[in-house]
Protein backbone atom coordinates (compact mmCIF):
# COMPACT_ATOMS: atom_id res chain seq x y z
CA MET A 1 -10.43 175.53 -183.61
CA THR A 2 -8.91 174.98 -187.56
CA THR A 3 -9.73 172.16 -189.88
CA VAL A 4 -6.92 169.97 -190.62
CA LEU A 5 -6.59 167.91 -194.22
CA LYS A 6 -4.19 165.07 -194.70
CA LYS A 7 -1.66 164.67 -197.75
CA PRO A 8 -3.87 162.15 -199.78
CA THR A 9 -1.26 158.88 -199.45
CA SER A 10 -4.59 156.86 -199.79
CA PRO A 11 -7.99 156.68 -200.20
CA GLY A 12 -9.12 156.43 -196.60
CA VAL A 13 -6.56 159.25 -195.87
CA ARG A 14 -7.95 161.33 -198.67
CA ALA A 15 -10.71 161.58 -197.27
CA GLN A 16 -10.45 162.19 -193.61
CA VAL A 17 -10.94 165.83 -192.38
CA ASN A 18 -9.76 166.13 -188.37
CA ILE A 19 -10.13 169.25 -186.00
CA LYS A 20 -6.94 171.05 -184.68
CA ARG A 21 -7.93 171.57 -181.30
CA ASN A 22 -5.89 173.40 -178.33
CA HIS A 23 -5.17 171.06 -175.22
CA SER A 24 -2.97 172.59 -172.62
CA VAL A 25 -1.56 169.38 -171.65
CA GLN A 26 -1.09 166.03 -172.89
CA LYS A 27 -1.88 163.40 -169.58
CA SER A 28 -4.76 163.80 -167.41
CA TYR A 29 -5.07 163.95 -163.71
CA LYS A 30 -4.40 160.21 -162.69
CA LYS A 31 -6.90 160.66 -159.44
CA LEU A 32 -9.69 160.61 -162.00
CA THR A 33 -9.09 158.22 -164.16
CA VAL A 34 -10.40 154.30 -163.55
CA PRO A 35 -9.16 151.84 -166.14
CA LEU A 36 -11.89 150.58 -168.88
CA LYS A 37 -12.10 146.65 -168.32
CA GLY A 38 -14.24 143.80 -169.50
CA PRO A 39 -16.53 143.28 -172.88
CA LYS A 40 -18.59 146.35 -174.14
CA GLY A 41 -21.89 145.64 -175.31
CA ARG A 42 -22.08 142.16 -173.49
CA SER A 43 -24.33 141.00 -170.37
CA HIS A 44 -23.27 137.91 -168.88
CA GLY A 45 -21.79 136.69 -172.25
CA THR A 46 -24.66 137.08 -174.01
CA VAL A 47 -24.59 140.31 -177.15
CA SER A 48 -27.20 143.01 -175.55
CA VAL A 49 -26.19 145.96 -177.63
CA HIS A 50 -24.65 144.82 -181.42
CA HIS A 51 -21.92 146.64 -182.94
CA GLN A 52 -19.94 147.79 -179.68
CA SER A 53 -16.75 146.69 -178.82
CA ARG A 54 -13.98 148.29 -176.01
CA GLY A 55 -11.72 149.68 -178.97
CA ALA A 56 -8.66 150.94 -178.07
CA LYS A 57 -7.27 150.88 -175.32
CA LYS A 58 -8.30 154.09 -172.51
CA ASN A 59 -9.18 155.67 -169.56
CA TYR A 60 -11.62 156.82 -168.14
CA ARG A 61 -12.77 160.26 -167.09
CA ILE A 62 -14.77 160.57 -163.57
CA ILE A 63 -16.68 163.40 -164.75
CA ASP A 64 -18.54 165.49 -162.08
CA PHE A 65 -21.98 166.12 -163.51
CA LYS A 66 -23.74 166.76 -160.81
CA ARG A 67 -22.02 170.22 -159.64
CA ASN A 68 -22.75 170.03 -156.15
CA LYS A 69 -19.72 171.99 -154.91
CA ASN A 70 -22.15 174.68 -154.00
CA ASN A 71 -20.81 178.27 -153.16
CA VAL A 72 -17.42 176.89 -153.32
CA LEU A 73 -15.10 178.49 -156.04
CA GLY A 74 -12.76 176.65 -158.80
CA LYS A 75 -10.37 177.44 -160.85
CA VAL A 76 -9.59 176.01 -164.63
CA VAL A 77 -6.29 175.13 -164.52
CA SER A 78 -6.37 172.65 -168.01
CA ILE A 79 -8.22 172.30 -171.02
CA GLU A 80 -7.91 168.46 -172.02
CA TYR A 81 -8.92 165.46 -174.00
CA ASP A 82 -11.15 162.80 -173.07
CA PRO A 83 -11.98 159.91 -175.46
CA ASN A 84 -14.76 158.74 -174.26
CA ARG A 85 -16.84 161.82 -175.10
CA ASN A 86 -16.23 164.20 -178.07
CA ALA A 87 -16.66 167.28 -176.21
CA ASP A 88 -13.22 168.01 -174.23
CA ILE A 89 -13.26 168.43 -170.53
CA ALA A 90 -11.97 171.51 -167.64
CA LEU A 91 -10.25 170.42 -164.72
CA ILE A 92 -11.21 172.36 -161.98
CA ASN A 93 -9.28 173.33 -158.81
CA TYR A 94 -11.46 174.87 -155.74
CA ILE A 95 -9.92 176.30 -153.04
CA ASP A 96 -10.35 173.37 -150.04
CA GLY A 97 -7.77 171.91 -152.60
CA GLU A 98 -10.24 169.39 -154.25
CA LYS A 99 -10.29 168.76 -158.00
CA ARG A 100 -12.54 167.66 -160.18
CA TYR A 101 -13.60 167.06 -164.21
CA ILE A 102 -16.47 169.18 -166.20
CA ILE A 103 -17.45 168.85 -169.73
CA ALA A 104 -15.44 171.98 -170.97
CA VAL A 105 -17.81 175.12 -171.98
CA GLU A 106 -16.91 177.11 -175.16
CA GLY A 107 -15.52 180.05 -174.37
CA LEU A 108 -13.95 178.66 -170.93
CA GLU A 109 -10.35 179.67 -170.95
CA ILE A 110 -7.38 178.53 -168.23
CA GLY A 111 -7.43 180.96 -164.89
CA ASP A 112 -11.20 181.46 -165.17
CA SER A 113 -13.21 180.98 -161.92
CA ILE A 114 -16.69 178.76 -161.89
CA VAL A 115 -18.84 178.62 -158.70
CA SER A 116 -22.41 176.83 -158.81
CA GLY A 117 -25.00 177.00 -156.22
CA ASP A 118 -27.96 178.91 -155.42
CA HIS A 119 -28.08 182.78 -156.24
CA VAL A 120 -25.02 182.32 -158.19
CA GLU A 121 -24.20 185.00 -161.14
CA PRO A 122 -25.88 183.35 -164.42
CA LYS A 123 -22.07 183.38 -166.55
CA ILE A 124 -20.41 180.90 -168.61
CA GLY A 125 -19.42 177.56 -166.68
CA ASN A 126 -21.14 178.39 -163.88
CA ALA A 127 -24.17 175.28 -162.48
CA MET A 128 -27.67 177.10 -160.87
CA ARG A 129 -31.12 175.80 -160.39
CA ILE A 130 -32.71 176.18 -163.61
CA SER A 131 -36.20 178.37 -162.61
CA GLU A 132 -33.34 180.81 -161.39
CA ILE A 133 -31.68 181.19 -165.46
CA PRO A 134 -32.58 184.35 -167.35
CA LEU A 135 -34.82 183.62 -170.47
CA GLY A 136 -33.02 182.99 -173.40
CA MET A 137 -30.07 181.83 -172.17
CA GLN A 138 -28.13 178.70 -173.36
CA ILE A 139 -27.82 175.99 -171.02
CA HIS A 140 -25.99 172.72 -171.06
CA ASN A 141 -25.78 169.16 -168.56
CA ILE A 142 -29.51 169.76 -167.47
CA GLU A 143 -30.71 167.33 -164.83
CA LEU A 144 -34.21 165.75 -165.01
CA GLN A 145 -34.22 164.87 -161.58
CA PRO A 146 -32.85 166.73 -158.75
CA ASN A 147 -29.44 165.71 -157.15
CA LYS A 148 -29.22 162.84 -159.68
CA GLY A 149 -26.77 164.97 -162.02
CA GLY A 150 -27.17 165.95 -165.71
CA GLN A 151 -28.07 163.52 -168.35
CA MET A 152 -29.61 166.03 -171.10
CA VAL A 153 -27.35 168.06 -173.73
CA ARG A 154 -23.99 167.09 -173.11
CA GLY A 155 -22.65 165.95 -176.78
CA ALA A 156 -20.20 168.69 -178.36
CA GLY A 157 -21.31 172.01 -179.78
CA THR A 158 -25.01 171.47 -178.59
CA TYR A 159 -26.95 173.25 -176.25
CA ALA A 160 -30.33 174.34 -174.79
CA VAL A 161 -32.24 177.43 -174.26
CA VAL A 162 -34.74 178.37 -171.36
CA THR A 163 -37.74 179.77 -173.13
CA ALA A 164 -40.63 179.77 -170.65
CA LYS A 165 -41.28 179.68 -166.26
CA GLU A 166 -44.42 177.94 -165.65
CA GLY A 167 -45.36 177.41 -161.89
CA ASP A 168 -42.82 174.84 -160.57
CA TYR A 169 -41.39 174.11 -163.74
CA VAL A 170 -39.51 175.57 -166.32
CA ASN A 171 -39.81 175.28 -170.47
CA VAL A 172 -36.62 174.01 -172.31
CA ARG A 173 -35.88 173.43 -175.70
CA VAL A 174 -33.52 171.01 -176.35
CA PRO A 175 -31.10 170.72 -179.60
CA SER A 176 -33.42 168.23 -181.36
CA GLY A 177 -36.30 170.91 -181.23
CA GLU A 178 -38.48 169.69 -178.94
CA VAL A 179 -39.55 171.44 -176.00
CA ARG A 180 -40.06 169.83 -173.06
CA LYS A 181 -40.77 170.80 -168.90
CA VAL A 182 -37.86 170.48 -166.63
CA LEU A 183 -38.34 170.93 -163.01
CA GLY A 184 -37.16 174.20 -161.84
CA THR A 185 -35.43 173.14 -159.01
CA CYS A 186 -32.93 170.83 -160.92
CA PHE A 187 -29.58 172.20 -162.26
CA ALA A 188 -28.01 172.87 -165.07
CA THR A 189 -24.79 174.68 -166.22
CA ILE A 190 -24.34 178.14 -168.72
CA GLY A 191 -23.40 177.92 -171.78
CA ALA A 192 -22.99 175.97 -174.94
CA VAL A 193 -20.81 172.97 -175.08
CA SER A 194 -17.02 172.82 -176.33
CA ASN A 195 -15.55 172.19 -179.90
CA PRO A 196 -18.73 172.59 -181.68
CA ASP A 197 -16.46 172.49 -185.43
CA PHE A 198 -16.89 168.29 -183.98
CA LYS A 199 -19.82 168.24 -186.64
CA ASN A 200 -17.15 169.50 -189.15
CA THR A 201 -15.40 165.74 -188.92
CA LYS A 202 -14.98 162.80 -190.96
CA ILE A 203 -13.80 159.31 -190.08
CA GLY A 204 -12.67 158.00 -193.53
CA LYS A 205 -11.65 154.64 -193.39
CA ALA A 206 -13.21 151.72 -190.92
CA GLY A 207 -10.35 151.65 -188.88
CA ARG A 208 -10.34 154.35 -187.18
CA LYS A 209 -13.82 153.37 -186.34
CA ILE A 210 -12.88 150.08 -185.12
CA HIS A 211 -10.22 151.84 -182.96
CA MET A 212 -13.42 153.81 -181.11
CA GLY A 213 -15.13 150.62 -180.57
CA VAL A 214 -17.56 150.37 -183.29
CA ARG A 215 -17.88 147.10 -184.72
CA PRO A 216 -19.04 146.75 -188.73
CA THR A 217 -22.60 146.48 -189.16
CA VAL A 218 -23.84 144.03 -191.65
CA ARG A 219 -26.78 144.08 -193.64
CA GLY A 220 -29.82 141.96 -192.83
CA ILE A 221 -30.27 140.71 -196.56
CA ALA A 222 -26.26 139.57 -196.47
CA PHE A 223 -27.32 136.80 -194.01
CA SER A 224 -27.48 133.11 -195.19
CA ASN A 225 -29.76 132.08 -192.68
CA PRO A 226 -33.14 133.72 -191.63
CA ARG A 227 -32.59 132.50 -188.51
CA ASP A 228 -29.99 134.78 -187.52
CA HIS A 229 -31.91 137.86 -189.28
CA ALA A 230 -35.57 137.90 -190.71
CA HIS A 231 -34.27 139.18 -194.45
CA GLY A 232 -31.88 136.70 -194.37
CA GLY A 233 -32.13 133.57 -196.82
CA SER A 234 -32.67 133.17 -200.49
CA TYR A 235 -33.62 136.80 -200.89
CA LYS A 236 -30.46 138.84 -201.99
CA SER A 237 -31.40 139.20 -205.80
CA THR A 238 -35.27 138.76 -205.34
CA GLY A 239 -35.86 141.43 -202.42
CA ILE A 240 -36.63 140.33 -198.63
CA GLY A 241 -39.58 138.58 -198.71
CA LEU A 242 -41.50 140.47 -196.73
CA LYS A 243 -44.14 143.48 -196.96
CA GLN A 244 -41.74 145.94 -194.97
CA PRO A 245 -37.97 145.54 -193.78
CA VAL A 246 -37.92 144.76 -190.13
CA SER A 247 -35.11 144.70 -187.31
CA ARG A 248 -33.14 141.76 -186.12
CA THR A 249 -35.90 141.14 -183.86
CA GLY A 250 -38.59 141.53 -185.98
CA VAL A 251 -39.44 144.99 -185.04
CA PRO A 252 -41.00 147.21 -188.24
CA SER A 253 -37.74 149.65 -188.88
CA LYS A 254 -39.27 151.96 -191.31
CA GLY A 255 -41.86 154.77 -189.53
CA TYR A 256 -43.20 152.46 -186.97
CA LYS A 257 -42.95 154.45 -183.26
CA THR A 258 -41.27 152.34 -181.10
CA ARG A 259 -41.70 154.67 -177.95
CA ARG A 260 -43.86 154.13 -174.83
CA LYS A 261 -47.05 156.06 -174.05
CA LYS A 262 -45.60 156.55 -170.27
CA LYS A 263 -45.69 159.29 -168.22
CA SER A 264 -42.42 161.29 -169.40
CA ASN A 265 -44.55 162.01 -172.43
CA PHE A 266 -46.07 164.64 -169.71
CA TYR A 267 -43.36 166.72 -170.08
CA LYS A 268 -42.85 166.96 -173.24
CA ILE A 269 -44.78 170.06 -174.61
CA LYS A 270 -43.66 170.76 -178.38
CA ASP A 271 -42.74 167.10 -180.04
CA ARG A 272 -39.68 167.47 -182.26
CA ARG A 273 -41.08 166.48 -185.28
CA THR A 274 -43.79 169.49 -185.58
CA ARG A 275 -42.68 172.85 -186.90
């Protein structure tokens, strides 16, 4: 992958930095795509998540996060672009005739063979139980509950590292620096997620964000009515009129801890903020 700079014909294009990615095909496998319809960020017509819209028209690719084709050999047919995520996806053709999409692994190439299941070889692209993965190996697409499908470490260029094994649990260091306990019977995929150069891209202009489904963010102080935002009203030149800045719903937005003290904290060994 190489960085591509455009000819600076406008201020927005001047700031753009794109990544040239090598995709083998231009069209997706139609049987594994479904249309994305309806509003985004809404619940029965009411805004539930702000700053979201449907964006440009696109289809959703059905990804196999569970990797439950146990002991069935598969071959990589193509590496494709997915508009719904920042990582590439790979189309796998299994020997029984079924085809599935998976998140492409860095270093995985067309023609490579992969397999998932118990007691498989720990090589790039294979999926296996975390308890069987050697210490120090990079993994991604990690399950939090057995047979639920991978939920952690799925972004472009990310990976987690197996650090220790204690009884039924395995300690995993995730990209944020946090160390968590994961049940050893959960599945994970060997290797790092593809497209690690994604972090070097620059959007360049607001129009591209609109196409991506991200609506504009308005400063709270710009609201003319305090009913719409706590910072709103006649405070544009005199501050916000509060002791500390708050969110739209009144929750302090500077250093206030909102994480619930629930059972999931049992699985956290090292906080991401500690050195």
